[in-house]
Amino acid sequence: MANRQPAGTPRSLRIHQALAKKLGSEILAGKFPPESLFPGEIEHSAVLGVSRTPYREAIRTLIAKGLLESRPRAGTKVTPRERWNLLDPDILAWTFSGTPDEKFIHDLFELRNLLEPAAAMMAASRRTPAQLQRMTAAIEGMERHDLATAEGQDADQRFHAEILVAAGNQALATLTSSVGAAVRWTTNYKQSKSRNPRNPLPEHKAVYAEIAAGNPEAAKAAMEELLRLALNDMAMEL
């Protein structure tokens, strides 16, 4: 997950990452509207009770993710929303740390519906035995652990990521971390919204079966059905 810190992470790095998360979440939640002037470094770091060095690093992180821009003598401004890197795994995590906009959730599923059925179709023709083994292990992980657990969500994420890789398209494979993060956070959101969420394992097994059998069109249709039912679980439709 984006927020996990490896043992031994320097304190200064943890501070600037925590600051980036806090400020990024506030931008995404609308506390600092698009195209508004962001507070100055000296003033804002003092208000937050941090030194200017980690604050500056946090701002650099938000600039790199497209949330802010800084120009000489013009100060730091929040960028227009269309410039935000909304598929960045950290930004997805920050978005779902609050209450995400339902339209954004719908947009994520629309994007997944454009990418993942096509990936499943290509994977059915191009997958290797090793990739099928990893998909099998992911499904076994989903079966062993409930999707309400981090372990179950990790397995779910690995399954979808492996399909993107098995599609054998280098450009598509670069989206693995973004799609994986979207899978994780939409699943997490769905689990939190329902007291008794539907088990999506049968649909995942159906996708796997068609990929393993080498049936491209059936694999595409099975993935479309998986995504349709996942969105329907949140009372939305594609």
C-alpha atoms as a PDB file:
ATOM      1  CA  MET A   1       0.000   0.000   0.000  1.00  0.00           C
ATOM      2  CA  ALA A   2       1.142   3.535  -0.640  1.00  0.00           C
ATOM      3  CA  ASN A   3       1.248   4.508   3.042  1.00  0.00           C
ATOM      4  CA  ARG A   4       3.358   1.647   4.351  1.00  0.00           C
ATOM      5  CA  GLN A   5       6.802   2.707   5.522  1.00  0.00           C
ATOM      6  CA  PRO A   6       9.772   0.325   5.443  1.00  0.00           C
ATOM      7  CA  ALA A   7      11.619  -0.228   8.690  1.00  0.00           C
ATOM      8  CA  GLY A   8      14.327   2.325   9.203  1.00  0.00           C
ATOM      9  CA  THR A   9      12.692   5.070   7.127  1.00  0.00           C
ATOM     10  CA  PRO A  10      14.417   8.364   8.103  1.00  0.00           C
ATOM     11  CA  ARG A  11      12.282  10.604  10.304  1.00  0.00           C
ATOM     12  CA  SER A  12      12.644  13.569   7.919  1.00  0.00           C
ATOM     13  CA  LEU A  13      11.299  11.416   5.077  1.00  0.00           C
ATOM     14  CA  ARG A  14       8.356  10.251   7.188  1.00  0.00           C
ATOM     15  CA  ILE A  15       7.547  13.853   8.105  1.00  0.00           C
ATOM     16  CA  HIS A  16       7.515  15.132   4.539  1.00  0.00           C
ATOM     17  CA  GLN A  17       5.466  12.121   3.356  1.00  0.00           C
ATOM     18  CA  ALA A  18       2.936  12.663   6.138  1.00  0.00           C
ATOM     19  CA  LEU A  19       2.784  16.352   5.228  1.00  0.00           C
ATOM     20  CA  ALA A  20       2.291  15.556   1.551  1.00  0.00           C
ATOM     21  CA  LYS A  21      -0.572  13.209   2.472  1.00  0.00           C
ATOM     22  CA  LYS A  22      -2.202  15.810   4.743  1.00  0.00           C
ATOM     23  CA  LEU A  23      -1.912  18.690   2.274  1.00  0.00           C
ATOM     24  CA  GLY A  24      -2.768  16.520  -0.735  1.00  0.00           C
ATOM     25  CA  SER A  25      -5.877  15.178   1.015  1.00  0.00           C
ATOM     26  CA  GLU A  26      -6.965  18.729   1.842  1.00  0.00           C
ATOM     27  CA  ILE A  27      -6.565  19.799  -1.792  1.00  0.00           C
ATOM     28  CA  LEU A  28      -8.515  16.776  -3.026  1.00  0.00           C
ATOM     29  CA  ALA A  29     -11.254  17.423  -0.452  1.00  0.00           C
ATOM     30  CA  GLY A  30     -11.628  21.027  -1.650  1.00  0.00           C
ATOM     31  CA  LYS A  31     -10.120  22.903   1.299  1.00  0.00           C
ATOM     32  CA  PHE A  32      -7.832  24.597  -1.211  1.00  0.00           C
ATOM     33  CA  PRO A  33      -9.865  25.014  -4.425  1.00  0.00           C
ATOM     34  CA  PRO A  34      -8.329  24.669  -7.883  1.00  0.00           C
ATOM     35  CA  GLU A  35      -6.483  27.805  -9.054  1.00  0.00           C
ATOM     36  CA  SER A  36      -6.438  29.282  -5.546  1.00  0.00           C
ATOM     37  CA  LEU A  37      -3.230  30.649  -4.057  1.00  0.00           C
ATOM     38  CA  PHE A  38      -1.634  28.196  -1.654  1.00  0.00           C
ATOM     39  CA  PRO A  39      -0.408  29.530   1.740  1.00  0.00           C
ATOM     40  CA  GLY A  40       3.191  30.742   1.818  1.00  0.00           C
ATOM     41  CA  GLU A  41       5.948  28.434   3.021  1.00  0.00           C
ATOM     42  CA  ILE A  42       7.016  30.402   6.108  1.00  0.00           C
ATOM     43  CA  GLU A  43       3.473  31.058   7.300  1.00  0.00           C
ATOM     44  CA  HIS A  44       2.066  27.611   6.570  1.00  0.00           C
ATOM     45  CA  SER A  45       4.975  25.588   7.977  1.00  0.00           C
ATOM     46  CA  ALA A  46       4.709  27.592  11.194  1.00  0.00           C
ATOM     47  CA  VAL A  47       0.957  26.953  11.421  1.00  0.00           C
ATOM     48  CA  LEU A  48       1.565  23.229  10.900  1.00  0.00           C
ATOM     49  CA  GLY A  49       4.380  23.170  13.432  1.00  0.00           C
ATOM     50  CA  VAL A  50       7.023  21.768  11.084  1.00  0.00           C
ATOM     51  CA  SER A  51      10.339  23.034   9.821  1.00  0.00           C
ATOM     52  CA  ARG A  52      10.610  24.528   6.368  1.00  0.00           C
ATOM     53  CA  THR A  53      12.760  21.697   4.946  1.00  0.00           C
ATOM     54  CA  PRO A  54      10.175  18.850   5.155  1.00  0.00           C
ATOM     55  CA  TYR A  55       7.443  21.331   4.223  1.00  0.00           C
ATOM     56  CA  ARG A  56       9.367  22.270   1.093  1.00  0.00           C
ATOM     57  CA  GLU A  57       9.855  18.588   0.213  1.00  0.00           C
ATOM     58  CA  ALA A  58       6.129  17.950   0.666  1.00  0.00           C
ATOM     59  CA  ILE A  59       5.323  20.816  -1.707  1.00  0.00           C
ATOM     60  CA  ARG A  60       7.758  19.383  -4.267  1.00  0.00           C
ATOM     61  CA  THR A  61       5.934  16.042  -3.999  1.00  0.00           C
ATOM     62  CA  LEU A  62       2.562  17.714  -4.647  1.00  0.00           C
ATOM     63  CA  ILE A  63       3.993  19.632  -7.596  1.00  0.00           C
ATOM     64  CA  ALA A  64       5.311  16.374  -9.079  1.00  0.00           C
ATOM     65  CA  LYS A  65       1.830  14.830  -8.721  1.00  0.00           C
ATOM     66  CA  GLY A  66       0.236  17.759 -10.534  1.00  0.00           C
ATOM     67  CA  LEU A  67      -1.689  19.205  -7.583  1.00  0.00           C
ATOM     68  CA  LEU A  68       0.358  22.383  -7.232  1.00  0.00           C
ATOM     69  CA  GLU A  69       2.468  24.672  -9.380  1.00  0.00           C
ATOM     70  CA  SER A  70       5.037  27.208  -8.241  1.00  0.00           C
ATOM     71  CA  ARG A  71       6.248  30.207 -10.202  1.00  0.00           C
ATOM     72  CA  PRO A  72       8.750  32.927  -9.274  1.00  0.00           C
ATOM     73  CA  ARG A  73       7.029  35.994  -7.815  1.00  0.00           C
ATOM     74  CA  ALA A  74       3.621  34.390  -8.426  1.00  0.00           C
ATOM     75  CA  GLY A  75       3.720  32.010  -5.467  1.00  0.00           C
ATOM     76  CA  THR A  76       2.317  28.504  -5.244  1.00  0.00           C
ATOM     77  CA  LYS A  77      -1.133  27.782  -6.655  1.00  0.00           C
ATOM     78  CA  VAL A  78      -3.470  24.810  -6.747  1.00  0.00           C
ATOM     79  CA  THR A  79      -3.649  23.602 -10.342  1.00  0.00           C
ATOM     80  CA  PRO A  80      -6.899  23.035 -12.282  1.00  0.00           C
ATOM     81  CA  ARG A  81      -8.368  19.588 -11.554  1.00  0.00           C
ATOM     82  CA  GLU A  82      -7.746  18.320 -15.089  1.00  0.00           C
ATOM     83  CA  ARG A  83      -4.005  18.560 -14.394  1.00  0.00           C
ATOM     84  CA  TRP A  84      -4.139  16.383 -11.272  1.00  0.00           C
ATOM     85  CA  ASN A  85      -2.560  12.954 -11.659  1.00  0.00           C
ATOM     86  CA  LEU A  86      -5.643  11.206 -10.316  1.00  0.00           C
ATOM     87  CA  LEU A  87      -4.297   7.727 -11.133  1.00  0.00           C
ATOM     88  CA  ASP A  88      -1.194   8.216  -9.019  1.00  0.00           C
ATOM     89  CA  PRO A  89      -1.369   5.488  -6.324  1.00  0.00           C
ATOM     90  CA  ASP A  90      -0.766   8.032  -3.543  1.00  0.00           C
ATOM     91  CA  ILE A  91      -3.472  10.364  -4.840  1.00  0.00           C
ATOM     92  CA  LEU A  92      -5.920   7.469  -5.019  1.00  0.00           C
ATOM     93  CA  ALA A  93      -5.058   6.541  -1.428  1.00  0.00           C
ATOM     94  CA  TRP A  94      -5.510  10.152  -0.291  1.00  0.00           C
ATOM     95  CA  THR A  95      -8.833  10.418  -2.148  1.00  0.00           C
ATOM     96  CA  PHE A  96     -10.234   7.305  -0.475  1.00  0.00           C
ATOM     97  CA  SER A  97      -8.905   8.297   2.960  1.00  0.00           C
ATOM     98  CA  GLY A  98     -11.890  10.634   3.062  1.00  0.00           C
ATOM     99  CA  THR A  99     -15.274  10.289   1.377  1.00  0.00           C
ATOM    100  CA  PRO A 100     -14.638  10.086  -2.371  1.00  0.00           C
ATOM    101  CA  ASP A 101     -16.948  11.723  -4.853  1.00  0.00           C
ATOM    102  CA  GLU A 102     -19.274   9.101  -6.351  1.00  0.00           C
ATOM    103  CA  LYS A 103     -18.716  10.458  -9.842  1.00  0.00           C
ATOM    104  CA  PHE A 104     -14.995   9.846  -9.425  1.00  0.00           C
ATOM    105  CA  ILE A 105     -15.676   6.243  -8.390  1.00  0.00           C
ATOM    106  CA  HIS A 106     -17.869   5.842 -11.467  1.00  0.00           C
ATOM    107  CA  ASP A 107     -15.139   7.385 -13.630  1.00  0.00           C
ATOM    108  CA  LEU A 108     -12.601   4.906 -12.238  1.00  0.00           C
ATOM    109  CA  PHE A 109     -14.852   1.995 -13.166  1.00  0.00           C
ATOM    110  CA  GLU A 110     -15.404   3.433 -16.642  1.00  0.00           C
ATOM    111  CA  LEU A 111     -11.642   3.574 -17.088  1.00  0.00           C
ATOM    112  CA  ARG A 112     -11.211   0.044 -15.767  1.00  0.00           C
ATOM    113  CA  ASN A 113     -13.955  -1.100 -18.131  1.00  0.00           C
ATOM    114  CA  LEU A 114     -11.985   0.317 -21.053  1.00  0.00           C
ATOM    115  CA  LEU A 115      -8.710  -1.319 -19.995  1.00  0.00           C
ATOM    116  CA  GLU A 116      -9.289  -4.561 -18.115  1.00  0.00           C
ATOM    117  CA  PRO A 117     -11.638  -6.427 -20.492  1.00  0.00           C
ATOM    118  CA  ALA A 118      -9.198  -5.723 -23.335  1.00  0.00           C
ATOM    119  CA  ALA A 119      -6.318  -6.881 -21.139  1.00  0.00           C
ATOM    120  CA  ALA A 120      -8.182 -10.097 -20.259  1.00  0.00           C
ATOM    121  CA  MET A 121      -8.849 -10.735 -23.944  1.00  0.00           C
ATOM    122  CA  MET A 122      -5.160 -10.325 -24.833  1.00  0.00           C
ATOM    123  CA  ALA A 123      -4.050 -12.330 -21.795  1.00  0.00           C
ATOM    124  CA  ALA A 124      -6.134 -15.281 -22.974  1.00  0.00           C
ATOM    125  CA  SER A 125      -3.938 -15.445 -26.082  1.00  0.00           C
ATOM    126  CA  ARG A 126      -0.584 -14.451 -24.609  1.00  0.00           C
ATOM    127  CA  ARG A 127      -0.396 -15.662 -20.987  1.00  0.00           C
ATOM    128  CA  THR A 128       2.478 -17.872 -19.944  1.00  0.00           C
ATOM    129  CA  PRO A 129       2.337 -20.871 -17.586  1.00  0.00           C
ATOM    130  CA  ALA A 130       4.142 -18.827 -14.918  1.00  0.00           C
ATOM    131  CA  GLN A 131       1.567 -16.029 -15.210  1.00  0.00           C
ATOM    132  CA  LEU A 132      -1.285 -18.516 -14.877  1.00  0.00           C
ATOM    133  CA  GLN A 133       0.378 -19.895 -11.746  1.00  0.00           C
ATOM    134  CA  ARG A 134       0.535 -16.409 -10.245  1.00  0.00           C
ATOM    135  CA  MET A 135      -3.138 -15.799 -11.087  1.00  0.00           C
ATOM    136  CA  THR A 136      -3.994 -19.109  -9.433  1.00  0.00           C
ATOM    137  CA  ALA A 137      -2.043 -18.128  -6.318  1.00  0.00           C
ATOM    138  CA  ALA A 138      -3.861 -14.779  -6.210  1.00  0.00           C
ATOM    139  CA  ILE A 139      -7.271 -16.444  -6.428  1.00  0.00           C
ATOM    140  CA  GLU A 140      -6.258 -18.899  -3.706  1.00  0.00           C
ATOM    141  CA  GLY A 141      -5.271 -15.909  -1.582  1.00  0.00           C
ATOM    142  CA  MET A 142      -8.660 -14.299  -2.159  1.00  0.00           C
ATOM    143  CA  GLU A 143     -10.348 -17.578  -1.203  1.00  0.00           C
ATOM    144  CA  ARG A 144      -8.234 -17.999   1.917  1.00  0.00           C
ATOM    145  CA  HIS A 145      -8.621 -14.410   3.127  1.00  0.00           C
ATOM    146  CA  ASP A 146     -11.786 -12.342   3.172  1.00  0.00           C
ATOM    147  CA  LEU A 147     -11.725  -9.247   0.968  1.00  0.00           C
ATOM    148  CA  ALA A 148     -12.378  -7.196   4.089  1.00  0.00           C
ATOM    149  CA  THR A 149      -8.784  -8.005   5.112  1.00  0.00           C
ATOM    150  CA  ALA A 150      -5.577  -6.455   3.790  1.00  0.00           C
ATOM    151  CA  GLU A 151      -4.371  -9.917   2.743  1.00  0.00           C
ATOM    152  CA  GLY A 152      -7.485 -10.547   0.674  1.00  0.00           C
ATOM    153  CA  GLN A 153      -7.242  -7.139  -0.963  1.00  0.00           C
ATOM    154  CA  ASP A 154      -3.554  -7.740  -1.739  1.00  0.00           C
ATOM    155  CA  ALA A 155      -4.494 -10.973  -3.504  1.00  0.00           C
ATOM    156  CA  ASP A 156      -7.260  -9.227  -5.454  1.00  0.00           C
ATOM    157  CA  GLN A 157      -4.838  -6.516  -6.527  1.00  0.00           C
ATOM    158  CA  ARG A 158      -2.240  -9.103  -7.616  1.00  0.00           C
ATOM    159  CA  PHE A 159      -4.819 -10.927  -9.732  1.00  0.00           C
ATOM    160  CA  HIS A 160      -5.807  -7.829 -11.688  1.00  0.00           C
ATOM    161  CA  ALA A 161      -2.195  -6.675 -12.032  1.00  0.00           C
ATOM    162  CA  GLU A 162      -1.115 -10.052 -13.372  1.00  0.00           C
ATOM    163  CA  ILE A 163      -3.761  -9.884 -16.102  1.00  0.00           C
ATOM    164  CA  LEU A 164      -2.414  -6.514 -17.257  1.00  0.00           C
ATOM    165  CA  VAL A 165       1.094  -7.949 -17.402  1.00  0.00           C
ATOM    166  CA  ALA A 166      -0.099 -11.148 -19.136  1.00  0.00           C
ATOM    167  CA  ALA A 167      -1.666  -9.017 -21.877  1.00  0.00           C
ATOM    168  CA  GLY A 168       1.867  -8.706 -23.226  1.00  0.00           C
ATOM    169  CA  ASN A 169       1.574  -4.995 -24.014  1.00  0.00           C
ATOM    170  CA  GLN A 170       4.367  -2.893 -22.531  1.00  0.00           C
ATOM    171  CA  ALA A 171       2.387   0.346 -22.656  1.00  0.00           C
ATOM    172  CA  LEU A 172      -0.561  -1.280 -20.869  1.00  0.00           C
ATOM    173  CA  ALA A 173       1.756  -2.828 -18.273  1.00  0.00           C
ATOM    174  CA  THR A 174       2.888   0.657 -17.208  1.00  0.00           C
ATOM    175  CA  LEU A 175      -0.632   1.191 -15.827  1.00  0.00           C
ATOM    176  CA  THR A 176      -0.346  -1.803 -13.489  1.00  0.00           C
ATOM    177  CA  SER A 177       0.324   0.195 -10.321  1.00  0.00           C
ATOM    178  CA  SER A 178      -2.450   2.699 -11.096  1.00  0.00           C
ATOM    179  CA  VAL A 179      -5.067   0.064 -11.918  1.00  0.00           C
ATOM    180  CA  GLY A 180      -3.914  -1.991  -8.933  1.00  0.00           C
ATOM    181  CA  ALA A 181      -4.407   1.003  -6.652  1.00  0.00           C
ATOM    182  CA  ALA A 182      -7.855   1.617  -8.156  1.00  0.00           C
ATOM    183  CA  VAL A 183      -8.761  -2.026  -7.514  1.00  0.00           C
ATOM    184  CA  ARG A 184      -7.553  -1.808  -3.904  1.00  0.00           C
ATOM    185  CA  TRP A 185      -9.310   1.404  -2.968  1.00  0.00           C
ATOM    186  CA  THR A 186     -12.621   0.748  -4.722  1.00  0.00           C
ATOM    187  CA  THR A 187     -12.716  -2.699  -3.071  1.00  0.00           C
ATOM    188  CA  ASN A 188     -11.887  -1.171   0.292  1.00  0.00           C
ATOM    189  CA  TYR A 189     -14.602   1.455  -0.195  1.00  0.00           C
ATOM    190  CA  LYS A 190     -17.163  -1.182  -1.201  1.00  0.00           C
ATOM    191  CA  GLN A 191     -16.342  -3.264   1.869  1.00  0.00           C
ATOM    192  CA  SER A 192     -16.750  -0.249   4.148  1.00  0.00           C
ATOM    193  CA  LYS A 193     -20.120   0.673   2.636  1.00  0.00           C
ATOM    194  CA  SER A 194     -21.819  -2.687   3.187  1.00  0.00           C
ATOM    195  CA  ARG A 195     -22.339  -4.776   6.295  1.00  0.00           C
ATOM    196  CA  ASN A 196     -22.564  -7.947   4.241  1.00  0.00           C
ATOM    197  CA  PRO A 197     -20.773  -7.355   0.919  1.00  0.00           C
ATOM    198  CA  ARG A 198     -21.209  -9.836  -1.909  1.00  0.00           C
ATOM    199  CA  ASN A 199     -18.341 -12.257  -2.469  1.00  0.00           C
ATOM    200  CA  PRO A 200     -16.871 -11.518  -5.948  1.00  0.00           C
ATOM    201  CA  LEU A 201     -14.719 -14.681  -6.029  1.00  0.00           C
ATOM    202  CA  PRO A 202     -16.948 -16.533  -8.569  1.00  0.00           C
ATOM    203  CA  GLU A 203     -16.500 -13.746 -11.138  1.00  0.00           C
ATOM    204  CA  HIS A 204     -12.717 -13.755 -10.628  1.00  0.00           C
ATOM    205  CA  LYS A 205     -12.663 -17.529 -11.110  1.00  0.00           C
ATOM    206  CA  ALA A 206     -14.722 -17.137 -14.289  1.00  0.00           C
ATOM    207  CA  VAL A 207     -12.230 -14.617 -15.697  1.00  0.00           C
ATOM    208  CA  TYR A 208      -9.342 -16.912 -14.808  1.00  0.00           C
ATOM    209  CA  ALA A 209     -11.022 -19.957 -16.361  1.00  0.00           C
ATOM    210  CA  GLU A 210     -11.477 -18.215 -19.718  1.00  0.00           C
ATOM    211  CA  ILE A 211      -7.919 -16.871 -19.723  1.00  0.00           C
ATOM    212  CA  ALA A 212      -6.537 -20.294 -18.824  1.00  0.00           C
ATOM    213  CA  ALA A 213      -8.663 -21.940 -21.532  1.00  0.00           C
ATOM    214  CA  GLY A 214      -7.418 -19.457 -24.131  1.00  0.00           C
ATOM    215  CA  ASN A 215     -10.845 -17.967 -24.933  1.00  0.00           C
ATOM    216  CA  PRO A 216     -10.247 -14.235 -25.698  1.00  0.00           C
ATOM    217  CA  GLU A 217     -13.838 -13.082 -26.269  1.00  0.00           C
ATOM    218  CA  ALA A 218     -15.171 -15.063 -23.311  1.00  0.00           C
ATOM    219  CA  ALA A 219     -12.393 -13.675 -21.080  1.00  0.00           C
ATOM    220  CA  LYS A 220     -13.327 -10.136 -22.161  1.00  0.00           C
ATOM    221  CA  ALA A 221     -17.011 -10.760 -21.415  1.00  0.00           C
ATOM    222  CA  ALA A 222     -16.216 -12.319 -18.034  1.00  0.00           C
ATOM    223  CA  MET A 223     -14.159  -9.285 -17.010  1.00  0.00           C
ATOM    224  CA  GLU A 224     -16.923  -6.937 -18.153  1.00  0.00           C
ATOM    225  CA  GLU A 225     -19.369  -8.860 -15.964  1.00  0.00           C
ATOM    226  CA  LEU A 226     -16.976  -8.751 -12.996  1.00  0.00           C
ATOM    227  CA  LEU A 227     -16.724  -4.959 -13.267  1.00  0.00           C
ATOM    228  CA  ARG A 228     -20.464  -4.515 -13.837  1.00  0.00           C
ATOM    229  CA  LEU A 229     -21.317  -6.448 -10.689  1.00  0.00           C
ATOM    230  CA  ALA A 230     -18.611  -4.666  -8.650  1.00  0.00           C
ATOM    231  CA  LEU A 231     -20.051  -1.278  -9.563  1.00  0.00           C
ATOM    232  CA  ASN A 232     -23.592  -2.541  -9.026  1.00  0.00           C
ATOM    233  CA  ASP A 233     -22.567  -3.491  -5.478  1.00  0.00           C
ATOM    234  CA  MET A 234     -22.204   0.240  -4.861  1.00  0.00           C
ATOM    235  CA  ALA A 235     -25.638   0.970  -6.355  1.00  0.00           C
ATOM    236  CA  MET A 236     -24.087   2.362  -9.545  1.00  0.00           C
ATOM    237  CA  GLU A 237     -24.228   1.286 -13.179  1.00  0.00           C
ATOM    238  CA  LEU A 238     -21.754   1.433 -16.030  1.00  0.00           C
END
